[in-house]
Amino acid sequence: MNIRYERARLSYTRDIHRLICVAADAGQMLPRALSDLYECVRDFVVAIDAETGHMIGCCALHVIWEDLAEVRSLAVDEAWRGHGIGRRLVEMCLADAAEPAIPRVFALTYVPGFFKKLGFDDISKDQLPHKVWSDCIKCHKFPDCDEHAVARAIAVPTQ
């Protein structure tokens, strides 16, 4: 396997959207509008099959507030699952959170077990600030969200 990991480029937005749509259609995540993805493409890291040039995974880190960010939109092509790609993408997002010293990250997920393997713990959605719900009010499942909330502390570098 020759996989290249990198920050998303604007030209990758439609491929990110494709991965998210496939996962959403399978009930593994909530859908995202293409227009929303163009607005936040700089939040994404991606995995590329270096042999074919096809995008095989994506994940984003979205800063919510001075002390909180969300890992979101993690999607890996079904044919590539089980090879550590999702783990690597989340780890890249966690490293991105550590650099500006964001001490805590969370995820809303249908697969909490995956995140627990990466050091996340279950939390109550009530522990999340109201700012988090600004995206949620656009969701067709709001206010009856059935995703699980998980969070973890980030070791931030000291100066």
C-alpha atoms as a PDB file:
ATOM      1  CA  MET A   1       0.000   0.000   0.000  1.00  0.00           C
ATOM      2  CA  ASN A   2       1.338   3.360  -0.995  1.00  0.00           C
ATOM      3  CA  ILE A   3      -0.841   6.014   0.645  1.00  0.00           C
ATOM      4  CA  ARG A   4      -0.112   9.715   0.645  1.00  0.00           C
ATOM      5  CA  TYR A   5      -1.559  11.907   3.409  1.00  0.00           C
ATOM      6  CA  GLU A   6      -1.878  15.642   2.914  1.00  0.00           C
ATOM      7  CA  ARG A   7      -3.909  18.750   3.523  1.00  0.00           C
ATOM      8  CA  ALA A   8      -6.906  19.090   1.251  1.00  0.00           C
ATOM      9  CA  ARG A   9      -6.726  21.355  -1.749  1.00  0.00           C
ATOM     10  CA  LEU A  10      -9.701  23.198  -3.154  1.00  0.00           C
ATOM     11  CA  SER A  11      -9.694  20.853  -6.136  1.00  0.00           C
ATOM     12  CA  TYR A  12     -10.318  17.905  -3.752  1.00  0.00           C
ATOM     13  CA  THR A  13     -13.679  19.194  -2.534  1.00  0.00           C
ATOM     14  CA  ARG A  14     -15.836  17.128  -4.893  1.00  0.00           C
ATOM     15  CA  ASP A  15     -13.921  13.948  -3.995  1.00  0.00           C
ATOM     16  CA  ILE A  16     -14.392  14.708  -0.287  1.00  0.00           C
ATOM     17  CA  HIS A  17     -18.094  15.206  -0.980  1.00  0.00           C
ATOM     18  CA  ARG A  18     -18.240  11.864  -2.826  1.00  0.00           C
ATOM     19  CA  LEU A  19     -16.677   9.994   0.115  1.00  0.00           C
ATOM     20  CA  ILE A  20     -19.038  11.646   2.588  1.00  0.00           C
ATOM     21  CA  CYS A  21     -22.103  10.939   0.424  1.00  0.00           C
ATOM     22  CA  VAL A  22     -21.234   7.238   0.156  1.00  0.00           C
ATOM     23  CA  ALA A  23     -20.799   6.982   3.939  1.00  0.00           C
ATOM     24  CA  ALA A  24     -23.982   8.994   4.568  1.00  0.00           C
ATOM     25  CA  ASP A  25     -25.986   6.817   2.157  1.00  0.00           C
ATOM     26  CA  ALA A  26     -24.772   3.787   4.154  1.00  0.00           C
ATOM     27  CA  GLY A  27     -26.016   5.410   7.387  1.00  0.00           C
ATOM     28  CA  GLN A  28     -22.490   5.801   8.766  1.00  0.00           C
ATOM     29  CA  MET A  29     -22.505   9.587   9.004  1.00  0.00           C
ATOM     30  CA  LEU A  30     -24.666  12.585   8.284  1.00  0.00           C
ATOM     31  CA  PRO A  31     -24.539  14.135   4.803  1.00  0.00           C
ATOM     32  CA  ARG A  32     -22.783  17.430   4.105  1.00  0.00           C
ATOM     33  CA  ALA A  33     -23.704  19.924   1.412  1.00  0.00           C
ATOM     34  CA  LEU A  34     -21.082  20.541  -1.250  1.00  0.00           C
ATOM     35  CA  SER A  35     -21.308  24.285  -0.593  1.00  0.00           C
ATOM     36  CA  ASP A  36     -20.502  23.707   3.103  1.00  0.00           C
ATOM     37  CA  LEU A  37     -17.456  21.664   2.147  1.00  0.00           C
ATOM     38  CA  TYR A  38     -16.099  24.412  -0.089  1.00  0.00           C
ATOM     39  CA  GLU A  39     -16.365  26.793   2.871  1.00  0.00           C
ATOM     40  CA  CYS A  40     -14.351  24.518   5.164  1.00  0.00           C
ATOM     41  CA  VAL A  41     -12.063  22.573   2.798  1.00  0.00           C
ATOM     42  CA  ARG A  42      -9.034  23.992   4.640  1.00  0.00           C
ATOM     43  CA  ASP A  43     -10.143  21.991   7.714  1.00  0.00           C
ATOM     44  CA  PHE A  44      -9.575  18.680   5.888  1.00  0.00           C
ATOM     45  CA  VAL A  45      -6.753  16.212   5.626  1.00  0.00           C
ATOM     46  CA  VAL A  46      -7.013  13.465   3.029  1.00  0.00           C
ATOM     47  CA  ALA A  47      -5.580  10.082   2.127  1.00  0.00           C
ATOM     48  CA  ILE A  48      -4.693   9.462  -1.516  1.00  0.00           C
ATOM     49  CA  ASP A  49      -3.882   6.125  -3.157  1.00  0.00           C
ATOM     50  CA  ALA A  50      -0.499   7.163  -4.553  1.00  0.00           C
ATOM     51  CA  GLU A  51      -0.679   4.566  -7.330  1.00  0.00           C
ATOM     52  CA  THR A  52      -4.019   5.656  -8.785  1.00  0.00           C
ATOM     53  CA  GLY A  53      -4.327   9.207  -7.442  1.00  0.00           C
ATOM     54  CA  HIS A  54      -7.798   8.436  -6.065  1.00  0.00           C
ATOM     55  CA  MET A  55      -8.879   9.908  -2.754  1.00  0.00           C
ATOM     56  CA  ILE A  56      -9.580   7.098  -0.316  1.00  0.00           C
ATOM     57  CA  GLY A  57     -10.179   8.969   2.941  1.00  0.00           C
ATOM     58  CA  CYS A  58     -10.869  12.325   4.524  1.00  0.00           C
ATOM     59  CA  CYS A  59     -11.278  13.906   7.948  1.00  0.00           C
ATOM     60  CA  ALA A  60     -11.628  17.460   9.228  1.00  0.00           C
ATOM     61  CA  LEU A  61     -10.769  19.407  12.357  1.00  0.00           C
ATOM     62  CA  HIS A  62     -13.169  22.291  12.881  1.00  0.00           C
ATOM     63  CA  VAL A  63     -12.324  24.854  15.563  1.00  0.00           C
ATOM     64  CA  ILE A  64     -15.383  25.673  17.660  1.00  0.00           C
ATOM     65  CA  TRP A  65     -13.976  27.970  20.328  1.00  0.00           C
ATOM     66  CA  GLU A  66     -10.698  28.892  22.001  1.00  0.00           C
ATOM     67  CA  ASP A  67     -10.590  25.605  23.900  1.00  0.00           C
ATOM     68  CA  LEU A  68     -12.569  23.203  21.737  1.00  0.00           C
ATOM     69  CA  ALA A  69     -12.478  21.683  18.248  1.00  0.00           C
ATOM     70  CA  GLU A  70     -14.465  18.963  16.514  1.00  0.00           C
ATOM     71  CA  VAL A  71     -13.138  16.007  14.550  1.00  0.00           C
ATOM     72  CA  ARG A  72     -15.723  15.614  11.811  1.00  0.00           C
ATOM     73  CA  SER A  73     -16.480  14.118   8.431  1.00  0.00           C
ATOM     74  CA  LEU A  74     -14.226  11.089   8.803  1.00  0.00           C
ATOM     75  CA  ALA A  75     -14.829   8.856   5.790  1.00  0.00           C
ATOM     76  CA  VAL A  76     -12.726   6.049   4.326  1.00  0.00           C
ATOM     77  CA  ASP A  77     -13.513   4.252   1.083  1.00  0.00           C
ATOM     78  CA  GLU A  78     -15.002   0.869   2.016  1.00  0.00           C
ATOM     79  CA  ALA A  79     -12.382  -1.043   0.023  1.00  0.00           C
ATOM     80  CA  TRP A  80      -9.635   0.581   2.092  1.00  0.00           C
ATOM     81  CA  ARG A  81     -11.071   0.113   5.588  1.00  0.00           C
ATOM     82  CA  GLY A  82      -9.106  -1.865   8.137  1.00  0.00           C
ATOM     83  CA  HIS A  83      -5.724  -0.523   7.013  1.00  0.00           C
ATOM     84  CA  GLY A  84      -5.360   2.225   9.646  1.00  0.00           C
ATOM     85  CA  ILE A  85      -6.297   5.052   7.290  1.00  0.00           C
ATOM     86  CA  GLY A  86      -9.067   6.427   9.515  1.00  0.00           C
ATOM     87  CA  ARG A  87      -6.775   6.238  12.542  1.00  0.00           C
ATOM     88  CA  ARG A  88      -4.018   8.122  10.704  1.00  0.00           C
ATOM     89  CA  LEU A  89      -6.424  10.821   9.518  1.00  0.00           C
ATOM     90  CA  VAL A  90      -7.790  11.369  13.036  1.00  0.00           C
ATOM     91  CA  GLU A  91      -4.259  11.433  14.440  1.00  0.00           C
ATOM     92  CA  MET A  92      -3.384  14.154  11.917  1.00  0.00           C
ATOM     93  CA  CYS A  93      -6.381  16.170  13.093  1.00  0.00           C
ATOM     94  CA  LEU A  94      -5.362  15.709  16.727  1.00  0.00           C
ATOM     95  CA  ALA A  95      -1.863  16.954  15.860  1.00  0.00           C
ATOM     96  CA  ASP A  96      -3.479  19.958  14.156  1.00  0.00           C
ATOM     97  CA  ALA A  97      -5.364  20.672  17.399  1.00  0.00           C
ATOM     98  CA  ALA A  98      -2.183  20.493  19.477  1.00  0.00           C
ATOM     99  CA  GLU A  99      -0.293  23.045  17.385  1.00  0.00           C
ATOM    100  CA  PRO A 100      -2.475  26.069  18.256  1.00  0.00           C
ATOM    101  CA  ALA A 101      -2.925  24.583  21.779  1.00  0.00           C
ATOM    102  CA  ILE A 102      -6.577  23.536  21.555  1.00  0.00           C
ATOM    103  CA  PRO A 103      -6.872  21.450  24.726  1.00  0.00           C
ATOM    104  CA  ARG A 104      -9.981  19.394  23.918  1.00  0.00           C
ATOM    105  CA  VAL A 105     -11.567  17.808  20.876  1.00  0.00           C
ATOM    106  CA  PHE A 106     -14.858  16.017  20.448  1.00  0.00           C
ATOM    107  CA  ALA A 107     -16.693  14.051  17.798  1.00  0.00           C
ATOM    108  CA  LEU A 108     -20.325  13.238  17.167  1.00  0.00           C
ATOM    109  CA  THR A 109     -20.332   9.754  15.709  1.00  0.00           C
ATOM    110  CA  TYR A 110     -22.233   6.585  14.933  1.00  0.00           C
ATOM    111  CA  VAL A 111     -19.050   4.598  15.623  1.00  0.00           C
ATOM    112  CA  PRO A 112     -17.972   5.524  19.166  1.00  0.00           C
ATOM    113  CA  GLY A 113     -15.883   2.347  19.516  1.00  0.00           C
ATOM    114  CA  PHE A 114     -13.492   3.549  16.816  1.00  0.00           C
ATOM    115  CA  PHE A 115     -12.904   6.824  18.645  1.00  0.00           C
ATOM    116  CA  LYS A 116     -12.564   5.093  22.029  1.00  0.00           C
ATOM    117  CA  LYS A 117      -9.606   3.131  20.603  1.00  0.00           C
ATOM    118  CA  LEU A 118      -7.992   6.528  19.977  1.00  0.00           C
ATOM    119  CA  GLY A 119      -8.414   7.727  23.556  1.00  0.00           C
ATOM    120  CA  PHE A 120     -11.818   9.386  23.323  1.00  0.00           C
ATOM    121  CA  ASP A 121     -14.360   8.923  26.128  1.00  0.00           C
ATOM    122  CA  ASP A 122     -18.142   9.053  26.068  1.00  0.00           C
ATOM    123  CA  ILE A 123     -19.567  12.405  27.139  1.00  0.00           C
ATOM    124  CA  SER A 124     -23.037  13.833  27.457  1.00  0.00           C
ATOM    125  CA  LYS A 125     -24.013  16.129  24.620  1.00  0.00           C
ATOM    126  CA  ASP A 126     -25.066  18.559  27.352  1.00  0.00           C
ATOM    127  CA  GLN A 127     -21.353  19.120  28.076  1.00  0.00           C
ATOM    128  CA  LEU A 128     -20.884  20.700  24.650  1.00  0.00           C
ATOM    129  CA  PRO A 129     -21.354  24.463  24.326  1.00  0.00           C
ATOM    130  CA  HIS A 130     -24.329  25.891  22.450  1.00  0.00           C
ATOM    131  CA  LYS A 131     -21.981  27.058  19.675  1.00  0.00           C
ATOM    132  CA  VAL A 132     -21.652  23.390  18.636  1.00  0.00           C
ATOM    133  CA  TRP A 133     -25.318  23.258  17.768  1.00  0.00           C
ATOM    134  CA  SER A 134     -25.111  26.050  15.156  1.00  0.00           C
ATOM    135  CA  ASP A 135     -24.366  23.380  12.538  1.00  0.00           C
ATOM    136  CA  CYS A 136     -26.832  20.931  14.049  1.00  0.00           C
ATOM    137  CA  ILE A 137     -29.862  23.138  13.506  1.00  0.00           C
ATOM    138  CA  LYS A 138     -29.412  22.589   9.758  1.00  0.00           C
ATOM    139  CA  CYS A 139     -29.595  18.815  10.218  1.00  0.00           C
ATOM    140  CA  HIS A 140     -32.739  16.877   9.320  1.00  0.00           C
ATOM    141  CA  LYS A 141     -32.412  14.968  12.632  1.00  0.00           C
ATOM    142  CA  PHE A 142     -32.356  18.068  14.848  1.00  0.00           C
ATOM    143  CA  PRO A 143     -33.287  18.119  17.740  1.00  0.00           C
ATOM    144  CA  ASP A 144     -33.475  14.302  17.924  1.00  0.00           C
ATOM    145  CA  CYS A 145     -29.789  13.638  17.324  1.00  0.00           C
ATOM    146  CA  ASP A 146     -28.876   9.958  17.481  1.00  0.00           C
ATOM    147  CA  GLU A 147     -25.105  10.393  17.246  1.00  0.00           C
ATOM    148  CA  HIS A 148     -22.857   9.591  20.208  1.00  0.00           C
ATOM    149  CA  ALA A 149     -20.672  12.319  21.696  1.00  0.00           C
ATOM    150  CA  VAL A 150     -17.065  11.479  22.530  1.00  0.00           C
ATOM    151  CA  ALA A 151     -14.188  13.733  23.596  1.00  0.00           C
ATOM    152  CA  ARG A 152     -10.548  13.658  24.577  1.00  0.00           C
ATOM    153  CA  ALA A 153      -7.967  15.996  25.974  1.00  0.00           C
ATOM    154  CA  ILE A 154      -5.064  17.027  23.779  1.00  0.00           C
ATOM    155  CA  ALA A 155      -1.530  17.317  25.116  1.00  0.00           C
ATOM    156  CA  VAL A 156      -0.592  20.815  24.025  1.00  0.00           C
ATOM    157  CA  PRO A 157       3.059  21.821  23.723  1.00  0.00           C
ATOM    158  CA  THR A 158       4.380  24.070  26.454  1.00  0.00           C
ATOM    159  CA  GLN A 159       6.442  27.094  25.578  1.00  0.00           C
END
